[in-house]
Amino acid sequence: MSSDDVRGVQDGRRRQDRQVLFEGHAFRVISTTAVRPPGTPRFVLVHGVGTSHRYLARLHDELAVGADVVSVDLPGFGGQSRPFVMIGVEAMAAMLGRLLDTLGSAPSVLVGHSMGTQWVVELAAQRPELAQALVLIGPVTDRDRRSFLLQALALARDTAGETPGVNRRVFLDYLRCGPSWYLRQVRRMIDYPIEDRLTAVTAPVLVVRGGNDPIAAPTWSRLLRDRAVRGSLAVVPGHRHVVQHTAPRAVAGAVRAFLASPPA
């Protein structure tokens, strides 16, 4: 069941914003479809813990120039109703996969930011037929800083260096999420061994980090690149954890270059 808000056609692109009630949980699906040549990938964008599609909107629009793009707000995030029971990374990824089945299960480029990287890695490990490639932006959680205190300190350092616009957007989403759901998901985020699950992913993987990101450190990002069966790393100098919002064109360019020449 869904409620649709079609925003019309602009520059050959059709935008649709809808809430989907699926398996008893509320998702929000924002899709942009384009006139595109055969073989052009579809992008699926997944936000991080506490946040929503809003801080992915600039990257969504960049990628939508000539490609289909879907941004998803997962249950409990972006104003969607919070589930009554806790949903771990594995279960959330499985639900996301079944949601994508309803949208058409052709392989997609799965793009996750922060905790969103865990959900897309787990989805690609569970359902390899859904993943044409993975893009992991600011991946978490660094295995050398796998504690709530160290993650909170890294987040504080990042917040101090982000723009006021980024912080306003992120913290409004934190308020929509609520402290209880946020903290329970953070616990799952800290515990999830993304570096181990990444070895089960057969699709090519691009790791993207802002050059000044204190959350996805250089050594951690390189480790994930090396753990991938076919991995690459792109660094956007001068930007921080929310690089997809502050440098969407640079991130989109790195993604397109990676897809044009993926690692063998």
C-alpha atoms as a PDB file:
ATOM      1  CA  MET A   1       0.000   0.000   0.000  1.00  0.00           C
ATOM      2  CA  SER A   2       1.371   3.430  -0.875  1.00  0.00           C
ATOM      3  CA  SER A   3       0.476   7.112  -1.146  1.00  0.00           C
ATOM      4  CA  ASP A   4       1.971   8.859  -4.159  1.00  0.00           C
ATOM      5  CA  ASP A   5       3.091  12.423  -4.751  1.00  0.00           C
ATOM      6  CA  VAL A   6       4.196  12.780  -8.361  1.00  0.00           C
ATOM      7  CA  ARG A   7       6.225  15.943  -8.844  1.00  0.00           C
ATOM      8  CA  GLY A   8       5.949  15.965 -12.646  1.00  0.00           C
ATOM      9  CA  VAL A   9       8.512  15.885 -15.396  1.00  0.00           C
ATOM     10  CA  GLN A  10      11.524  18.180 -15.601  1.00  0.00           C
ATOM     11  CA  ASP A  11      14.298  17.884 -18.191  1.00  0.00           C
ATOM     12  CA  GLY A  12      12.923  14.476 -19.166  1.00  0.00           C
ATOM     13  CA  ARG A  13      12.959  13.266 -15.557  1.00  0.00           C
ATOM     14  CA  ARG A  14       9.911  12.142 -13.579  1.00  0.00           C
ATOM     15  CA  ARG A  15      10.005  12.412  -9.788  1.00  0.00           C
ATOM     16  CA  GLN A  16       7.798  10.484  -7.402  1.00  0.00           C
ATOM     17  CA  ASP A  17       7.661  10.657  -3.602  1.00  0.00           C
ATOM     18  CA  ARG A  18       5.620   8.004  -1.851  1.00  0.00           C
ATOM     19  CA  GLN A  19       5.194   6.251   1.461  1.00  0.00           C
ATOM     20  CA  VAL A  20       5.071   2.478   1.230  1.00  0.00           C
ATOM     21  CA  LEU A  21       3.624   0.259   3.943  1.00  0.00           C
ATOM     22  CA  PHE A  22       5.457  -2.988   3.505  1.00  0.00           C
ATOM     23  CA  GLU A  23       5.470  -6.017   5.792  1.00  0.00           C
ATOM     24  CA  GLY A  24       3.925  -3.881   8.528  1.00  0.00           C
ATOM     25  CA  HIS A  25       6.658  -1.207   8.314  1.00  0.00           C
ATOM     26  CA  ALA A  26       6.658   2.269   6.776  1.00  0.00           C
ATOM     27  CA  PHE A  27       9.206   3.170   4.111  1.00  0.00           C
ATOM     28  CA  ARG A  28       9.496   6.380   2.143  1.00  0.00           C
ATOM     29  CA  VAL A  29      10.603   5.971  -1.480  1.00  0.00           C
ATOM     30  CA  ILE A  30      11.744   8.952  -3.550  1.00  0.00           C
ATOM     31  CA  SER A  31      12.403   7.985  -7.154  1.00  0.00           C
ATOM     32  CA  THR A  32      13.569   9.886 -10.200  1.00  0.00           C
ATOM     33  CA  THR A  33      13.276   8.210 -13.571  1.00  0.00           C
ATOM     34  CA  ALA A  34      15.071   9.463 -16.647  1.00  0.00           C
ATOM     35  CA  VAL A  35      15.152   8.914 -20.363  1.00  0.00           C
ATOM     36  CA  ARG A  36      18.307   6.843 -20.539  1.00  0.00           C
ATOM     37  CA  PRO A  37      20.081   4.439 -22.875  1.00  0.00           C
ATOM     38  CA  PRO A  38      19.812   0.686 -22.225  1.00  0.00           C
ATOM     39  CA  GLY A  39      22.313  -0.596 -19.685  1.00  0.00           C
ATOM     40  CA  THR A  40      22.410   2.620 -17.641  1.00  0.00           C
ATOM     41  CA  PRO A  41      22.517   1.618 -13.963  1.00  0.00           C
ATOM     42  CA  ARG A  42      19.821   2.341 -11.408  1.00  0.00           C
ATOM     43  CA  PHE A  43      21.110   3.862  -8.174  1.00  0.00           C
ATOM     44  CA  VAL A  44      19.610   3.073  -4.760  1.00  0.00           C
ATOM     45  CA  LEU A  45      20.614   5.518  -2.006  1.00  0.00           C
ATOM     46  CA  VAL A  46      20.441   4.544   1.673  1.00  0.00           C
ATOM     47  CA  HIS A  47      20.951   7.012   4.532  1.00  0.00           C
ATOM     48  CA  GLY A  48      22.831   6.505   7.793  1.00  0.00           C
ATOM     49  CA  VAL A  49      21.690   6.112  11.391  1.00  0.00           C
ATOM     50  CA  GLY A  50      19.280   8.802  12.576  1.00  0.00           C
ATOM     51  CA  THR A  51      19.144  10.539   9.201  1.00  0.00           C
ATOM     52  CA  SER A  52      17.083  10.399   6.009  1.00  0.00           C
ATOM     53  CA  HIS A  53      17.063  10.969   2.251  1.00  0.00           C
ATOM     54  CA  ARG A  54      17.313  14.724   2.900  1.00  0.00           C
ATOM     55  CA  TYR A  55      21.093  14.788   3.206  1.00  0.00           C
ATOM     56  CA  LEU A  56      21.346  12.541   0.132  1.00  0.00           C
ATOM     57  CA  ALA A  57      19.163  14.828  -1.988  1.00  0.00           C
ATOM     58  CA  ARG A  58      22.023  16.676  -3.698  1.00  0.00           C
ATOM     59  CA  LEU A  59      23.752  13.442  -4.672  1.00  0.00           C
ATOM     60  CA  HIS A  60      20.395  12.021  -5.769  1.00  0.00           C
ATOM     61  CA  ASP A  61      19.936  14.946  -8.160  1.00  0.00           C
ATOM     62  CA  GLU A  62      23.489  14.681  -9.507  1.00  0.00           C
ATOM     63  CA  LEU A  63      23.158  10.971 -10.224  1.00  0.00           C
ATOM     64  CA  ALA A  64      19.691  11.474 -11.739  1.00  0.00           C
ATOM     65  CA  VAL A  65      21.199  13.273 -14.727  1.00  0.00           C
ATOM     66  CA  GLY A  66      20.742  10.401 -17.167  1.00  0.00           C
ATOM     67  CA  ALA A  67      20.028   7.619 -14.652  1.00  0.00           C
ATOM     68  CA  ASP A  68      17.204   6.286 -12.502  1.00  0.00           C
ATOM     69  CA  VAL A  69      17.715   6.998  -8.796  1.00  0.00           C
ATOM     70  CA  VAL A  70      15.805   5.736  -5.759  1.00  0.00           C
ATOM     71  CA  SER A  71      16.316   7.112  -2.238  1.00  0.00           C
ATOM     72  CA  VAL A  72      14.813   5.141   0.643  1.00  0.00           C
ATOM     73  CA  ASP A  73      13.929   6.208   4.179  1.00  0.00           C
ATOM     74  CA  LEU A  74      14.013   3.061   6.293  1.00  0.00           C
ATOM     75  CA  PRO A  75      11.506   2.330   9.085  1.00  0.00           C
ATOM     76  CA  GLY A  76      12.024   4.591  12.105  1.00  0.00           C
ATOM     77  CA  PHE A  77      13.963   7.221  10.143  1.00  0.00           C
ATOM     78  CA  GLY A  78      13.029  10.434   8.344  1.00  0.00           C
ATOM     79  CA  GLY A  79       9.707  10.687  10.125  1.00  0.00           C
ATOM     80  CA  GLN A  80       8.632   7.118   9.328  1.00  0.00           C
ATOM     81  CA  SER A  81       6.912   5.297  12.180  1.00  0.00           C
ATOM     82  CA  ARG A  82       9.248   3.404  14.479  1.00  0.00           C
ATOM     83  CA  PRO A  83       8.883  -0.379  14.635  1.00  0.00           C
ATOM     84  CA  PHE A  84       7.700  -1.870  17.905  1.00  0.00           C
ATOM     85  CA  VAL A  85      10.557  -4.386  17.883  1.00  0.00           C
ATOM     86  CA  MET A  86      14.262  -3.880  17.327  1.00  0.00           C
ATOM     87  CA  ILE A  87      15.462  -4.547  13.773  1.00  0.00           C
ATOM     88  CA  GLY A  88      19.115  -5.524  13.393  1.00  0.00           C
ATOM     89  CA  VAL A  89      21.327  -4.870  10.402  1.00  0.00           C
ATOM     90  CA  GLU A  90      20.646  -8.275   8.868  1.00  0.00           C
ATOM     91  CA  ALA A  91      16.862  -8.001   9.170  1.00  0.00           C
ATOM     92  CA  MET A  92      16.773  -4.409   7.899  1.00  0.00           C
ATOM     93  CA  ALA A  93      18.878  -5.374   4.875  1.00  0.00           C
ATOM     94  CA  ALA A  94      16.585  -8.307   4.140  1.00  0.00           C
ATOM     95  CA  MET A  95      13.523  -6.026   4.266  1.00  0.00           C
ATOM     96  CA  LEU A  96      15.249  -3.534   1.979  1.00  0.00           C
ATOM     97  CA  GLY A  97      15.921  -6.312  -0.505  1.00  0.00           C
ATOM     98  CA  ARG A  98      12.271  -7.366  -0.519  1.00  0.00           C
ATOM     99  CA  LEU A  99      11.238  -3.732  -0.967  1.00  0.00           C
ATOM    100  CA  LEU A 100      13.532  -3.482  -4.001  1.00  0.00           C
ATOM    101  CA  ASP A 101      11.880  -6.602  -5.381  1.00  0.00           C
ATOM    102  CA  THR A 102       8.588  -4.696  -5.444  1.00  0.00           C
ATOM    103  CA  LEU A 103      10.243  -1.847  -7.361  1.00  0.00           C
ATOM    104  CA  GLY A 104      11.721  -4.187  -9.972  1.00  0.00           C
ATOM    105  CA  SER A 105      14.617  -6.407  -9.050  1.00  0.00           C
ATOM    106  CA  ALA A 106      17.100  -5.526 -11.785  1.00  0.00           C
ATOM    107  CA  PRO A 107      20.609  -5.168 -10.300  1.00  0.00           C
ATOM    108  CA  SER A 108      21.289  -1.702  -8.877  1.00  0.00           C
ATOM    109  CA  VAL A 109      24.260   0.326  -7.737  1.00  0.00           C
ATOM    110  CA  LEU A 110      23.709   0.317  -3.967  1.00  0.00           C
ATOM    111  CA  VAL A 111      24.951   3.550  -2.382  1.00  0.00           C
ATOM    112  CA  GLY A 112      25.108   3.805   1.404  1.00  0.00           C
ATOM    113  CA  HIS A 113      26.364   6.521   3.712  1.00  0.00           C
ATOM    114  CA  SER A 114      27.692   5.874   7.237  1.00  0.00           C
ATOM    115  CA  MET A 115      25.480   3.132   8.747  1.00  0.00           C
ATOM    116  CA  GLY A 116      23.829   2.911   5.331  1.00  0.00           C
ATOM    117  CA  THR A 117      27.035   1.248   4.158  1.00  0.00           C
ATOM    118  CA  GLN A 118      26.334  -1.622   6.574  1.00  0.00           C
ATOM    119  CA  TRP A 119      22.811  -2.118   5.266  1.00  0.00           C
ATOM    120  CA  VAL A 120      23.934  -2.192   1.616  1.00  0.00           C
ATOM    121  CA  VAL A 121      26.901  -4.488   2.319  1.00  0.00           C
ATOM    122  CA  GLU A 122      24.624  -6.891   4.171  1.00  0.00           C
ATOM    123  CA  LEU A 123      22.052  -6.690   1.359  1.00  0.00           C
ATOM    124  CA  ALA A 124      24.701  -7.442  -1.264  1.00  0.00           C
ATOM    125  CA  ALA A 125      25.971 -10.390   0.796  1.00  0.00           C
ATOM    126  CA  GLN A 126      22.449 -11.796   1.234  1.00  0.00           C
ATOM    127  CA  ARG A 127      21.162 -11.003  -2.260  1.00  0.00           C
ATOM    128  CA  PRO A 128      24.071 -10.713  -4.713  1.00  0.00           C
ATOM    129  CA  GLU A 129      21.660 -10.626  -7.667  1.00  0.00           C
ATOM    130  CA  LEU A 130      20.451  -7.181  -6.521  1.00  0.00           C
ATOM    131  CA  ALA A 131      23.916  -5.568  -6.465  1.00  0.00           C
ATOM    132  CA  GLN A 132      25.571  -4.407  -9.663  1.00  0.00           C
ATOM    133  CA  ALA A 133      28.091  -2.475  -7.575  1.00  0.00           C
ATOM    134  CA  LEU A 134      28.428  -0.912  -4.116  1.00  0.00           C
ATOM    135  CA  VAL A 135      29.401   2.630  -3.144  1.00  0.00           C
ATOM    136  CA  LEU A 136      30.323   3.016   0.534  1.00  0.00           C
ATOM    137  CA  ILE A 137      30.490   6.681   1.589  1.00  0.00           C
ATOM    138  CA  GLY A 138      32.034   7.336   5.001  1.00  0.00           C
ATOM    139  CA  PRO A 139      31.762   3.671   6.067  1.00  0.00           C
ATOM    140  CA  VAL A 140      31.437   2.642   9.715  1.00  0.00           C
ATOM    141  CA  THR A 141      32.354   1.316  12.217  1.00  0.00           C
ATOM    142  CA  ASP A 142      36.143   1.467  12.409  1.00  0.00           C
ATOM    143  CA  ARG A 143      37.201  -1.762  14.136  1.00  0.00           C
ATOM    144  CA  ASP A 144      39.848   0.151  16.149  1.00  0.00           C
ATOM    145  CA  ARG A 145      37.152   2.493  17.550  1.00  0.00           C
ATOM    146  CA  ARG A 146      34.269   0.120  18.128  1.00  0.00           C
ATOM    147  CA  SER A 147      32.804   1.762  21.244  1.00  0.00           C
ATOM    148  CA  PHE A 148      30.033   4.263  21.875  1.00  0.00           C
ATOM    149  CA  LEU A 149      32.415   6.773  23.505  1.00  0.00           C
ATOM    150  CA  LEU A 150      34.950   6.738  20.657  1.00  0.00           C
ATOM    151  CA  GLN A 151      32.208   7.024  18.050  1.00  0.00           C
ATOM    152  CA  ALA A 152      30.623   9.920  19.941  1.00  0.00           C
ATOM    153  CA  LEU A 153      33.962  11.732  20.072  1.00  0.00           C
ATOM    154  CA  ALA A 154      34.520  11.208  16.345  1.00  0.00           C
ATOM    155  CA  LEU A 155      31.007  12.499  15.615  1.00  0.00           C
ATOM    156  CA  ALA A 156      31.652  15.569  17.776  1.00  0.00           C
ATOM    157  CA  ARG A 157      34.878  16.310  15.887  1.00  0.00           C
ATOM    158  CA  ASP A 158      33.090  15.941  12.591  1.00  0.00           C
ATOM    159  CA  THR A 159      30.188  18.151  13.665  1.00  0.00           C
ATOM    160  CA  ALA A 160      32.602  20.905  14.685  1.00  0.00           C
ATOM    161  CA  GLY A 161      33.989  21.011  11.133  1.00  0.00           C
ATOM    162  CA  GLU A 162      30.806  20.559   9.088  1.00  0.00           C
ATOM    163  CA  THR A 163      28.893  23.502   7.655  1.00  0.00           C
ATOM    164  CA  PRO A 164      25.912  24.935   9.589  1.00  0.00           C
ATOM    165  CA  GLY A 165      23.625  23.723   6.796  1.00  0.00           C
ATOM    166  CA  VAL A 166      24.826  20.135   7.171  1.00  0.00           C
ATOM    167  CA  ASN A 167      24.476  20.184  10.953  1.00  0.00           C
ATOM    168  CA  ARG A 168      21.003  21.689  10.814  1.00  0.00           C
ATOM    169  CA  ARG A 169      19.815  19.065   8.339  1.00  0.00           C
ATOM    170  CA  VAL A 170      21.337  16.151  10.268  1.00  0.00           C
ATOM    171  CA  PHE A 171      20.149  17.199  13.713  1.00  0.00           C
ATOM    172  CA  LEU A 172      16.594  17.862  12.531  1.00  0.00           C
ATOM    173  CA  ASP A 173      16.567  14.284  11.312  1.00  0.00           C
ATOM    174  CA  TYR A 174      17.953  13.086  14.647  1.00  0.00           C
ATOM    175  CA  LEU A 175      14.976  14.778  16.320  1.00  0.00           C
ATOM    176  CA  ARG A 176      12.564  13.069  13.911  1.00  0.00           C
ATOM    177  CA  CYS A 177      14.174   9.720  14.678  1.00  0.00           C
ATOM    178  CA  GLY A 178      14.032  10.131  18.450  1.00  0.00           C
ATOM    179  CA  PRO A 179      16.713   9.196  21.002  1.00  0.00           C
ATOM    180  CA  SER A 180      15.459   5.703  21.835  1.00  0.00           C
ATOM    181  CA  TRP A 181      15.411   4.334  18.266  1.00  0.00           C
ATOM    182  CA  TYR A 182      18.639   6.196  17.434  1.00  0.00           C
ATOM    183  CA  LEU A 183      20.590   4.772  20.361  1.00  0.00           C
ATOM    184  CA  ARG A 184      19.351   1.233  19.808  1.00  0.00           C
ATOM    185  CA  GLN A 185      20.413   1.397  16.172  1.00  0.00           C
ATOM    186  CA  VAL A 186      23.796   2.886  17.099  1.00  0.00           C
ATOM    187  CA  ARG A 187      24.427  -0.173  19.271  1.00  0.00           C
ATOM    188  CA  ARG A 188      23.841  -2.414  16.237  1.00  0.00           C
ATOM    189  CA  MET A 189      26.008  -0.132  14.108  1.00  0.00           C
ATOM    190  CA  ILE A 190      28.949  -0.411  16.503  1.00  0.00           C
ATOM    191  CA  ASP A 191      28.692  -4.199  16.699  1.00  0.00           C
ATOM    192  CA  TYR A 192      28.288  -4.958  12.994  1.00  0.00           C
ATOM    193  CA  PRO A 193      31.519  -6.418  11.467  1.00  0.00           C
ATOM    194  CA  ILE A 194      31.316  -4.778   8.053  1.00  0.00           C
ATOM    195  CA  GLU A 195      34.927  -5.670   7.231  1.00  0.00           C
ATOM    196  CA  ASP A 196      34.103  -9.371   7.573  1.00  0.00           C
ATOM    197  CA  ARG A 197      30.800  -9.269   5.694  1.00  0.00           C
ATOM    198  CA  LEU A 198      32.429  -7.337   2.867  1.00  0.00           C
ATOM    199  CA  THR A 199      34.443 -10.437   1.945  1.00  0.00           C
ATOM    200  CA  ALA A 200      31.155 -12.145   1.015  1.00  0.00           C
ATOM    201  CA  VAL A 201      30.289  -9.433  -1.535  1.00  0.00           C
ATOM    202  CA  THR A 202      31.134 -10.344  -5.131  1.00  0.00           C
ATOM    203  CA  ALA A 203      30.163  -7.009  -6.724  1.00  0.00           C
ATOM    204  CA  PRO A 204      32.798  -4.288  -7.232  1.00  0.00           C
ATOM    205  CA  VAL A 205      33.031  -1.859  -4.309  1.00  0.00           C
ATOM    206  CA  LEU A 206      33.973   1.831  -4.243  1.00  0.00           C
ATOM    207  CA  VAL A 207      34.845   3.336  -0.857  1.00  0.00           C
ATOM    208  CA  VAL A 208      34.445   7.135  -0.749  1.00  0.00           C
ATOM    209  CA  ARG A 209      35.618   9.370   2.076  1.00  0.00           C
ATOM    210  CA  GLY A 210      36.037  13.073   2.648  1.00  0.00           C
ATOM    211  CA  GLY A 211      39.710  13.890   3.077  1.00  0.00           C
ATOM    212  CA  ASN A 212      39.026  15.373   6.536  1.00  0.00           C
ATOM    213  CA  ASP A 213      36.520  12.762   7.739  1.00  0.00           C
ATOM    214  CA  PRO A 214      37.326  11.806  11.375  1.00  0.00           C
ATOM    215  CA  ILE A 215      34.781   8.952  11.371  1.00  0.00           C
ATOM    216  CA  ALA A 216      35.912   7.001   8.298  1.00  0.00           C
ATOM    217  CA  ALA A 217      39.672   7.287   8.840  1.00  0.00           C
ATOM    218  CA  PRO A 218      42.207   6.686   6.017  1.00  0.00           C
ATOM    219  CA  THR A 219      43.503   3.376   7.412  1.00  0.00           C
ATOM    220  CA  TRP A 220      39.968   2.067   7.935  1.00  0.00           C
ATOM    221  CA  SER A 221      38.859   3.091   4.449  1.00  0.00           C
ATOM    222  CA  ARG A 222      41.894   1.410   2.891  1.00  0.00           C
ATOM    223  CA  LEU A 223      41.238  -1.749   4.901  1.00  0.00           C
ATOM    224  CA  LEU A 224      37.683  -1.957   3.525  1.00  0.00           C
ATOM    225  CA  ARG A 225      38.947  -1.362   0.001  1.00  0.00           C
ATOM    226  CA  ASP A 226      41.403  -4.210   0.436  1.00  0.00           C
ATOM    227  CA  ARG A 227      38.822  -6.542   2.006  1.00  0.00           C
ATOM    228  CA  ALA A 228      36.536  -6.169  -1.015  1.00  0.00           C
ATOM    229  CA  VAL A 229      36.934  -8.775  -3.730  1.00  0.00           C
ATOM    230  CA  ARG A 230      37.157  -5.892  -6.223  1.00  0.00           C
ATOM    231  CA  GLY A 231      37.727  -2.652  -4.335  1.00  0.00           C
ATOM    232  CA  SER A 232      38.622   0.960  -5.102  1.00  0.00           C
ATOM    233  CA  LEU A 233      39.012   4.068  -2.951  1.00  0.00           C
ATOM    234  CA  ALA A 234      38.179   7.696  -3.793  1.00  0.00           C
ATOM    235  CA  VAL A 235      39.050  10.619  -1.515  1.00  0.00           C
ATOM    236  CA  VAL A 236      37.442  14.068  -1.826  1.00  0.00           C
ATOM    237  CA  PRO A 237      39.971  16.517  -0.334  1.00  0.00           C
ATOM    238  CA  GLY A 238      38.800  19.188   2.081  1.00  0.00           C
ATOM    239  CA  HIS A 239      35.474  17.569   2.958  1.00  0.00           C
ATOM    240  CA  ARG A 240      34.242  15.651   5.960  1.00  0.00           C
ATOM    241  CA  HIS A 241      31.837  12.833   6.804  1.00  0.00           C
ATOM    242  CA  VAL A 242      28.804  14.237   4.967  1.00  0.00           C
ATOM    243  CA  VAL A 243      30.791  14.620   1.750  1.00  0.00           C
ATOM    244  CA  GLN A 244      27.848  13.567  -0.430  1.00  0.00           C
ATOM    245  CA  HIS A 245      26.049  16.767   0.649  1.00  0.00           C
ATOM    246  CA  THR A 246      28.981  19.183   0.623  1.00  0.00           C
ATOM    247  CA  ALA A 247      30.581  17.844  -2.589  1.00  0.00           C
ATOM    248  CA  PRO A 248      27.829  15.998  -4.495  1.00  0.00           C
ATOM    249  CA  ARG A 249      29.288  16.649  -7.946  1.00  0.00           C
ATOM    250  CA  ALA A 250      32.710  15.320  -6.956  1.00  0.00           C
ATOM    251  CA  VAL A 251      31.175  12.205  -5.394  1.00  0.00           C
ATOM    252  CA  ALA A 252      28.941  11.595  -8.418  1.00  0.00           C
ATOM    253  CA  GLY A 253      31.959  12.022 -10.698  1.00  0.00           C
ATOM    254  CA  ALA A 254      33.951   9.481  -8.696  1.00  0.00           C
ATOM    255  CA  VAL A 255      31.041   7.028  -8.869  1.00  0.00           C
ATOM    256  CA  ARG A 256      30.662   7.415 -12.643  1.00  0.00           C
ATOM    257  CA  ALA A 257      34.408   6.987 -13.202  1.00  0.00           C
ATOM    258  CA  PHE A 258      34.367   3.846 -11.060  1.00  0.00           C
ATOM    259  CA  LEU A 259      31.436   2.359 -12.957  1.00  0.00           C
ATOM    260  CA  ALA A 260      33.069   3.147 -16.282  1.00  0.00           C
ATOM    261  CA  SER A 261      36.185   1.215 -15.284  1.00  0.00           C
ATOM    262  CA  PRO A 262      35.516  -1.084 -12.308  1.00  0.00           C
ATOM    263  CA  PRO A 263      38.384  -3.067 -10.790  1.00  0.00           C
ATOM    264  CA  ALA A 264      38.947  -6.457 -12.398  1.00  0.00           C
END
